[in-house]
Protein backbone atom coordinates (compact mmCIF):
# COMPACT_ATOMS: atom_id res chain seq x y z
CA MET A 1 36.99 132.70 240.25
CA LEU A 2 37.95 129.17 239.31
CA VAL A 3 34.52 127.30 240.26
CA PRO A 4 31.05 128.72 239.89
CA ASN A 5 28.90 130.00 242.91
CA LYS A 6 25.79 132.41 244.09
CA ILE A 7 27.21 135.43 242.82
CA MET A 8 29.91 133.75 240.12
CA PRO A 9 27.92 132.13 236.94
CA LEU A 10 29.02 129.18 235.27
CA GLY A 11 30.02 130.30 232.21
CA GLU A 12 32.08 133.03 233.56
CA THR A 13 34.75 130.81 235.56
CA CYS A 14 38.16 129.23 234.37
CA LEU A 15 36.74 125.79 235.14
CA TYR A 16 34.12 126.43 232.37
CA ARG A 17 36.67 127.70 230.01
CA ALA A 18 38.88 125.81 230.47
CA ALA A 19 36.61 122.71 229.68
CA LYS A 20 35.80 124.88 226.11
CA LEU A 21 39.32 125.14 225.34
CA LEU A 22 40.37 121.89 226.05
CA PRO A 23 39.26 120.26 222.82
CA LYS A 24 40.61 122.85 220.57
CA LEU A 25 43.98 121.53 221.62
CA GLU A 26 44.50 118.57 219.04
CA ALA A 27 47.58 119.36 218.08
CA GLU A 28 51.01 121.83 219.53
CA ILE A 29 50.09 125.05 218.93
CA CYS A 30 52.13 128.45 220.04
CA ILE A 31 50.31 130.22 223.05
CA THR A 32 50.31 133.48 220.80
CA GLU A 33 48.52 132.01 218.36
CA LEU A 34 46.11 130.07 220.76
CA TYR A 35 45.09 133.23 222.61
CA ILE A 36 44.46 134.98 219.39
CA SER A 37 41.94 132.73 217.67
CA GLU A 38 40.60 132.10 220.79
CA LYS A 39 40.47 135.90 222.33
CA LYS A 40 36.80 136.83 222.40
CA SER A 41 36.74 133.84 225.13
CA PHE A 42 38.13 135.19 227.35
CA THR A 43 38.04 138.75 229.21
CA ASP A 44 41.52 139.85 229.49
CA LEU A 45 45.27 137.95 228.78
CA ALA A 46 45.30 136.91 232.64
CA ASP A 47 41.50 135.23 231.85
CA PHE A 48 43.69 133.09 229.79
CA ILE A 49 46.69 132.59 231.87
CA ASP A 50 44.19 131.38 234.24
CA VAL A 51 42.54 128.90 232.28
CA LEU A 52 46.50 127.53 231.12
CA ASP A 53 47.48 127.63 234.93
CA LEU A 54 44.60 125.53 235.58
CA LEU A 55 44.77 123.21 232.73
CA PHE A 56 48.35 122.61 233.18
CA VAL A 57 47.98 122.24 237.25
CA LEU A 58 45.58 118.92 236.23
CA ASP A 59 48.07 118.15 233.94
CA LYS A 60 45.82 118.06 231.45
CA ILE A 61 48.27 120.30 228.77
CA ILE A 62 52.39 120.25 228.95
CA ILE A 63 53.87 123.77 228.47
CA ASP A 64 57.06 124.18 226.24
CA GLN A 65 58.63 127.24 227.50
CA ASP A 66 61.43 127.19 225.24
CA ASN A 67 59.35 127.11 221.81
CA ARG A 68 56.69 128.48 223.60
CA ILE A 69 53.89 125.78 222.71
CA ILE A 70 51.21 123.92 224.31
CA LYS A 71 50.78 120.19 223.98
CA ILE A 72 48.13 117.74 225.37
CA ALA A 73 49.37 115.53 228.16
């Protein structure tokens, strides 16, 4: 779920998790390293990918697919 509503609390939304993850992306980081270090914040890998998709769509991150690195936009 992207945004909170009556059923989904704020802490369980992609929007909230993206806001918590963004400050941790100060330098370039490998996608797998980021997932391993922040795995406790996500229910599963699909949830992590949803957050990365949201940050990418909002132009907050750049994903280098060849090197599998995330950079701040």
